[in-house]
Amino acid sequence: MIPVRFAPLLFSAILSGAMSLIVSGISTLRVLGFEPAFAEAWLTSWAIAWAIAFPTVAVIAPITRKLVDAMTGRT
């Protein structure tokens, strides 16, 4: 079991991994179509995208939560 103190980091890893996987897949498909090199190109693009998305989400998510709380009166 992962300790609860790592929850924000785990959230960032899962969210950024899923979103970057989907977006890079769509982008790669649009550029290459379904061809033999698709899977390799997609995974390469995803690795690069996740390397950028993970720290971005880790920094932006807490700011976004505070903004949403302020906009909805949850503060």
Protein backbone atom coordinates (compact mmCIF):
# COMPACT_ATOMS: atom_id res chain seq x y z
CA MET A 1 0.00 0.00 0.00
CA ILE A 2 1.22 3.47 -0.84
CA PRO A 3 1.29 5.90 2.11
CA VAL A 4 -1.41 8.58 2.00
CA ARG A 5 1.19 11.38 2.03
CA PHE A 6 2.00 10.41 -1.57
CA ALA A 7 -1.63 10.79 -2.73
CA PRO A 8 -1.13 14.14 -4.51
CA LEU A 9 1.90 12.77 -6.38
CA LEU A 10 0.06 9.56 -7.27
CA PHE A 11 -2.92 11.59 -8.48
CA SER A 12 -0.59 13.66 -10.67
CA ALA A 13 1.11 10.55 -12.07
CA ILE A 14 -2.14 8.79 -12.94
CA LEU A 15 -3.90 11.84 -14.38
CA SER A 16 -0.93 13.03 -16.43
CA GLY A 17 -0.19 9.50 -17.62
CA ALA A 18 -3.72 8.88 -18.81
CA MET A 19 -4.21 12.27 -20.44
CA SER A 20 -0.83 12.30 -22.18
CA LEU A 21 -1.42 8.72 -23.40
CA ILE A 22 -4.76 9.68 -24.97
CA VAL A 23 -3.63 12.99 -26.46
CA SER A 24 -0.37 11.62 -27.86
CA GLY A 25 -2.26 8.66 -29.32
CA ILE A 26 -4.75 10.89 -31.10
CA SER A 27 -2.00 13.19 -32.37
CA THR A 28 0.16 10.29 -33.55
CA LEU A 29 -2.81 8.65 -35.27
CA ARG A 30 -3.65 11.88 -37.09
CA VAL A 31 -0.09 12.24 -38.37
CA LEU A 32 0.77 8.63 -39.21
CA GLY A 33 -2.54 6.79 -39.46
CA PHE A 34 -2.61 3.10 -38.58
CA GLU A 35 0.68 1.93 -39.97
CA PRO A 36 3.27 -0.56 -38.67
CA ALA A 37 5.30 2.17 -36.95
CA PHE A 38 2.27 3.59 -35.12
CA ALA A 39 2.70 1.83 -31.77
CA GLU A 40 6.39 2.66 -31.46
CA ALA A 41 5.84 6.29 -32.48
CA TRP A 42 2.91 6.58 -30.05
CA LEU A 43 4.86 5.21 -27.10
CA THR A 44 7.82 7.46 -27.87
CA SER A 45 5.54 10.49 -28.09
CA TRP A 46 3.79 9.47 -24.90
CA ALA A 47 7.05 9.15 -22.97
CA ILE A 48 8.05 12.66 -24.00
CA ALA A 49 4.58 14.06 -23.28
CA TRP A 50 4.41 12.40 -19.86
CA ALA A 51 7.82 13.76 -18.92
CA ILE A 52 6.34 17.23 -19.44
CA ALA A 53 2.78 16.55 -18.22
CA PHE A 54 3.66 14.95 -14.88
CA PRO A 55 5.56 17.87 -13.32
CA THR A 56 3.08 20.29 -14.89
CA VAL A 57 0.10 18.55 -13.28
CA ALA A 58 1.97 18.24 -9.98
CA VAL A 59 2.40 22.02 -9.91
CA ILE A 60 -0.91 23.09 -11.49
CA ALA A 61 -3.32 20.71 -9.68
CA PRO A 62 -3.05 22.34 -6.22
CA ILE A 63 -3.45 25.79 -7.76
CA THR A 64 -6.47 24.60 -9.73
CA ARG A 65 -8.06 23.05 -6.62
CA LYS A 66 -7.71 26.38 -4.76
CA LEU A 67 -9.14 28.27 -7.72
CA VAL A 68 -12.12 25.92 -7.98
CA ASP A 69 -12.69 26.16 -4.23
CA ALA A 70 -12.69 29.96 -4.46
CA MET A 71 -15.02 29.96 -7.47
CA THR A 72 -17.50 27.61 -5.83
CA GLY A 73 -17.35 29.13 -2.35
CA ARG A 74 -15.85 26.02 -0.77
CA THR A 75 -13.09 27.98 0.96
